[in-house]
Amino acid sequence: MVRLITRKEVEKHKNGWIIIHNSVYDMSKFIPEHPGGEEVLLELEGFDATEGFEDAGHTPDARGILAKLKVGELEKTEHTEFEAKTEDWLVYTPDPKEEEPPASENSLTVPIIIGLVAILICFFYYYYFV
């Protein structure tokens, strides 16, 4: 059976307990090993760290480590709604504002005109001076 914990209990337990996605984790043993640095977790002790956790784009391995540190869940009455994140951050999505330039900007019109003018100049030079 899952242990139900209140937010007040988490706030009192400021020795490594944090909330992520309405679950409570004891990070005290993991703090020295955290790749992002100790201070990140120390600032969040006793608080909800869901947004920071998702914004950091944690890998599936990191989520696996987190699962091992779970001590319980928040009481249902204290749950917060959050926008479910997907792994879309792993996939490159081109910015629609960065469109390809129009064909007129991307064409060979200018180089062709320059080449034709050069040919005409050569033709007139040889016709009148040679």
C-alpha atoms as a PDB file:
ATOM      1  CA  MET A   1       0.000   0.000   0.000  1.00  0.00           C
ATOM      2  CA  VAL A   2       1.213   3.480  -0.935  1.00  0.00           C
ATOM      3  CA  ARG A   3       1.971   5.867   1.903  1.00  0.00           C
ATOM      4  CA  LEU A   4      -0.135   9.052   1.713  1.00  0.00           C
ATOM      5  CA  ILE A   5       1.697  12.233   2.683  1.00  0.00           C
ATOM      6  CA  THR A   6       0.493  15.817   3.106  1.00  0.00           C
ATOM      7  CA  ARG A   7       2.258  18.906   1.756  1.00  0.00           C
ATOM      8  CA  LYS A   8       2.801  20.099   5.330  1.00  0.00           C
ATOM      9  CA  GLU A   9       4.617  16.881   6.131  1.00  0.00           C
ATOM     10  CA  VAL A  10       6.852  17.351   3.073  1.00  0.00           C
ATOM     11  CA  GLU A  11       7.582  20.963   4.085  1.00  0.00           C
ATOM     12  CA  LYS A  12       8.570  19.806   7.588  1.00  0.00           C
ATOM     13  CA  HIS A  13      10.778  17.091   6.112  1.00  0.00           C
ATOM     14  CA  LYS A  14      13.272  19.501   4.535  1.00  0.00           C
ATOM     15  CA  ASN A  15      16.009  16.909   4.519  1.00  0.00           C
ATOM     16  CA  GLY A  16      15.733  15.941   0.882  1.00  0.00           C
ATOM     17  CA  TRP A  17      12.023  15.351   0.343  1.00  0.00           C
ATOM     18  CA  ILE A  18      10.533  16.858  -2.809  1.00  0.00           C
ATOM     19  CA  ILE A  19       7.289  16.499  -4.751  1.00  0.00           C
ATOM     20  CA  ILE A  20       7.254  15.593  -8.438  1.00  0.00           C
ATOM     21  CA  HIS A  21       3.989  14.778 -10.240  1.00  0.00           C
ATOM     22  CA  ASN A  22       2.115  14.432  -6.914  1.00  0.00           C
ATOM     23  CA  SER A  23       4.568  11.796  -5.659  1.00  0.00           C
ATOM     24  CA  VAL A  24       7.007  12.345  -2.795  1.00  0.00           C
ATOM     25  CA  TYR A  25      10.668  11.418  -3.146  1.00  0.00           C
ATOM     26  CA  ASP A  26      13.509  11.267  -0.623  1.00  0.00           C
ATOM     27  CA  MET A  27      16.445  12.741  -2.501  1.00  0.00           C
ATOM     28  CA  SER A  28      18.769  12.982   0.527  1.00  0.00           C
ATOM     29  CA  LYS A  29      21.056  10.122  -0.581  1.00  0.00           C
ATOM     30  CA  PHE A  30      21.028  11.226  -4.219  1.00  0.00           C
ATOM     31  CA  ILE A  31      21.831  14.929  -3.665  1.00  0.00           C
ATOM     32  CA  PRO A  32      25.640  14.469  -3.816  1.00  0.00           C
ATOM     33  CA  GLU A  33      25.329  12.424  -7.024  1.00  0.00           C
ATOM     34  CA  HIS A  34      22.921  14.750  -8.870  1.00  0.00           C
ATOM     35  CA  PRO A  35      24.496  15.606 -12.264  1.00  0.00           C
ATOM     36  CA  GLY A  36      22.939  19.088 -12.220  1.00  0.00           C
ATOM     37  CA  GLY A  37      24.603  19.920  -8.903  1.00  0.00           C
ATOM     38  CA  GLU A  38      23.539  19.714  -5.274  1.00  0.00           C
ATOM     39  CA  GLU A  39      22.196  23.252  -5.101  1.00  0.00           C
ATOM     40  CA  VAL A  40      19.387  22.473  -7.556  1.00  0.00           C
ATOM     41  CA  LEU A  41      17.908  19.856  -5.224  1.00  0.00           C
ATOM     42  CA  LEU A  42      18.726  21.729  -2.020  1.00  0.00           C
ATOM     43  CA  GLU A  43      16.684  24.736  -3.203  1.00  0.00           C
ATOM     44  CA  LEU A  44      13.659  22.501  -3.854  1.00  0.00           C
ATOM     45  CA  GLU A  45      13.640  20.527  -0.601  1.00  0.00           C
ATOM     46  CA  GLY A  46      10.153  20.548   0.847  1.00  0.00           C
ATOM     47  CA  PHE A  47       8.555  21.927  -2.309  1.00  0.00           C
ATOM     48  CA  ASP A  48       6.914  20.808  -5.553  1.00  0.00           C
ATOM     49  CA  ALA A  49       9.669  20.385  -8.162  1.00  0.00           C
ATOM     50  CA  THR A  50       7.508  19.094 -11.020  1.00  0.00           C
ATOM     51  CA  GLU A  51       7.987  22.075 -13.318  1.00  0.00           C
ATOM     52  CA  GLY A  52      11.755  22.217 -12.798  1.00  0.00           C
ATOM     53  CA  PHE A  53      12.067  18.471 -13.288  1.00  0.00           C
ATOM     54  CA  GLU A  54      10.188  18.560 -16.594  1.00  0.00           C
ATOM     55  CA  ASP A  55      11.883  21.722 -17.847  1.00  0.00           C
ATOM     56  CA  ALA A  56      15.279  20.068 -17.365  1.00  0.00           C
ATOM     57  CA  GLY A  57      14.304  17.345 -19.845  1.00  0.00           C
ATOM     58  CA  HIS A  58      15.318  14.345 -17.748  1.00  0.00           C
ATOM     59  CA  THR A  59      16.099  11.099 -19.551  1.00  0.00           C
ATOM     60  CA  PRO A  60      14.322   7.776 -19.016  1.00  0.00           C
ATOM     61  CA  ASP A  61      17.344   6.710 -16.909  1.00  0.00           C
ATOM     62  CA  ALA A  62      16.836   9.693 -14.606  1.00  0.00           C
ATOM     63  CA  ARG A  63      13.161   8.805 -14.264  1.00  0.00           C
ATOM     64  CA  GLY A  64      14.185   5.252 -13.341  1.00  0.00           C
ATOM     65  CA  ILE A  65      16.449   6.548 -10.568  1.00  0.00           C
ATOM     66  CA  LEU A  66      13.614   8.760  -9.351  1.00  0.00           C
ATOM     67  CA  ALA A  67      11.246   5.786  -9.102  1.00  0.00           C
ATOM     68  CA  LYS A  68      13.635   4.077  -6.670  1.00  0.00           C
ATOM     69  CA  LEU A  69      13.568   7.132  -4.375  1.00  0.00           C
ATOM     70  CA  LYS A  70       9.775   7.309  -4.006  1.00  0.00           C
ATOM     71  CA  VAL A  71       8.494   7.331  -0.402  1.00  0.00           C
ATOM     72  CA  GLY A  72       4.807   7.970  -1.069  1.00  0.00           C
ATOM     73  CA  GLU A  73       2.170  10.081  -2.770  1.00  0.00           C
ATOM     74  CA  LEU A  74       0.399  13.281  -1.883  1.00  0.00           C
ATOM     75  CA  GLU A  75      -3.079  13.032  -0.443  1.00  0.00           C
ATOM     76  CA  LYS A  76      -5.627  13.121  -3.275  1.00  0.00           C
ATOM     77  CA  THR A  77      -7.075  16.388  -1.943  1.00  0.00           C
ATOM     78  CA  GLU A  78      -3.651  18.061  -2.328  1.00  0.00           C
ATOM     79  CA  HIS A  79      -2.906  16.948  -5.881  1.00  0.00           C
ATOM     80  CA  THR A  80      -2.055  19.623  -8.421  1.00  0.00           C
ATOM     81  CA  GLU A  81      -2.854  19.453 -12.097  1.00  0.00           C
ATOM     82  CA  PHE A  82       0.085  19.647 -14.448  1.00  0.00           C
ATOM     83  CA  GLU A  83       0.515  19.583 -18.169  1.00  0.00           C
ATOM     84  CA  ALA A  84       1.718  16.162 -19.158  1.00  0.00           C
ATOM     85  CA  LYS A  85       5.049  16.372 -20.917  1.00  0.00           C
ATOM     86  CA  THR A  86       5.963  14.081 -23.733  1.00  0.00           C
ATOM     87  CA  GLU A  87       9.326  13.255 -25.157  1.00  0.00           C
ATOM     88  CA  ASP A  88       8.778  15.785 -27.953  1.00  0.00           C
ATOM     89  CA  TRP A  89      11.834  17.668 -26.742  1.00  0.00           C
ATOM     90  CA  LEU A  90      13.908  14.813 -28.181  1.00  0.00           C
ATOM     91  CA  VAL A  91      12.571  15.382 -31.695  1.00  0.00           C
ATOM     92  CA  TYR A  92      13.602  18.349 -33.832  1.00  0.00           C
ATOM     93  CA  THR A  93      10.630  20.323 -35.070  1.00  0.00           C
ATOM     94  CA  PRO A  94      11.494  23.088 -37.521  1.00  0.00           C
ATOM     95  CA  ASP A  95      10.264  26.557 -36.677  1.00  0.00           C
ATOM     96  CA  PRO A  96       7.492  27.523 -39.116  1.00  0.00           C
ATOM     97  CA  LYS A  97       8.917  31.058 -39.189  1.00  0.00           C
ATOM     98  CA  GLU A  98      12.130  29.700 -40.684  1.00  0.00           C
ATOM     99  CA  GLU A  99      10.679  28.970 -44.109  1.00  0.00           C
ATOM    100  CA  GLU A 100      12.735  28.472 -47.221  1.00  0.00           C
ATOM    101  CA  PRO A 101      13.234  31.672 -49.171  1.00  0.00           C
ATOM    102  CA  PRO A 102      10.916  32.199 -52.147  1.00  0.00           C
ATOM    103  CA  ALA A 103      12.097  30.756 -55.444  1.00  0.00           C
ATOM    104  CA  SER A 104      12.891  34.242 -56.803  1.00  0.00           C
ATOM    105  CA  GLU A 105      15.468  34.785 -54.059  1.00  0.00           C
ATOM    106  CA  ASN A 106      16.893  31.335 -54.516  1.00  0.00           C
ATOM    107  CA  SER A 107      17.154  31.292 -58.329  1.00  0.00           C
ATOM    108  CA  LEU A 108      20.045  31.715 -60.723  1.00  0.00           C
ATOM    109  CA  THR A 109      18.540  34.746 -62.477  1.00  0.00           C
ATOM    110  CA  VAL A 110      21.232  37.240 -61.467  1.00  0.00           C
ATOM    111  CA  PRO A 111      24.235  35.030 -62.392  1.00  0.00           C
ATOM    112  CA  ILE A 112      22.639  34.208 -65.776  1.00  0.00           C
ATOM    113  CA  ILE A 113      22.061  37.903 -66.574  1.00  0.00           C
ATOM    114  CA  ILE A 114      25.653  38.745 -65.633  1.00  0.00           C
ATOM    115  CA  GLY A 115      26.901  35.934 -67.871  1.00  0.00           C
ATOM    116  CA  LEU A 116      24.795  37.128 -70.825  1.00  0.00           C
ATOM    117  CA  VAL A 117      26.009  40.718 -70.402  1.00  0.00           C
ATOM    118  CA  ALA A 118      29.618  39.486 -70.356  1.00  0.00           C
ATOM    119  CA  ILE A 119      29.047  37.508 -73.583  1.00  0.00           C
ATOM    120  CA  LEU A 120      27.491  40.549 -75.267  1.00  0.00           C
ATOM    121  CA  ILE A 121      30.424  42.751 -74.250  1.00  0.00           C
ATOM    122  CA  CYS A 122      32.853  40.175 -75.661  1.00  0.00           C
ATOM    123  CA  PHE A 123      30.858  39.929 -78.891  1.00  0.00           C
ATOM    124  CA  PHE A 124      30.831  43.715 -79.421  1.00  0.00           C
ATOM    125  CA  TYR A 125      34.529  43.995 -78.550  1.00  0.00           C
ATOM    126  CA  TYR A 126      35.534  41.403 -81.139  1.00  0.00           C
ATOM    127  CA  TYR A 127      33.056  42.745 -83.730  1.00  0.00           C
ATOM    128  CA  TYR A 128      34.188  46.391 -83.535  1.00  0.00           C
ATOM    129  CA  PHE A 129      37.845  46.157 -82.429  1.00  0.00           C
ATOM    130  CA  VAL A 130      39.223  43.039 -83.990  1.00  0.00           C
END
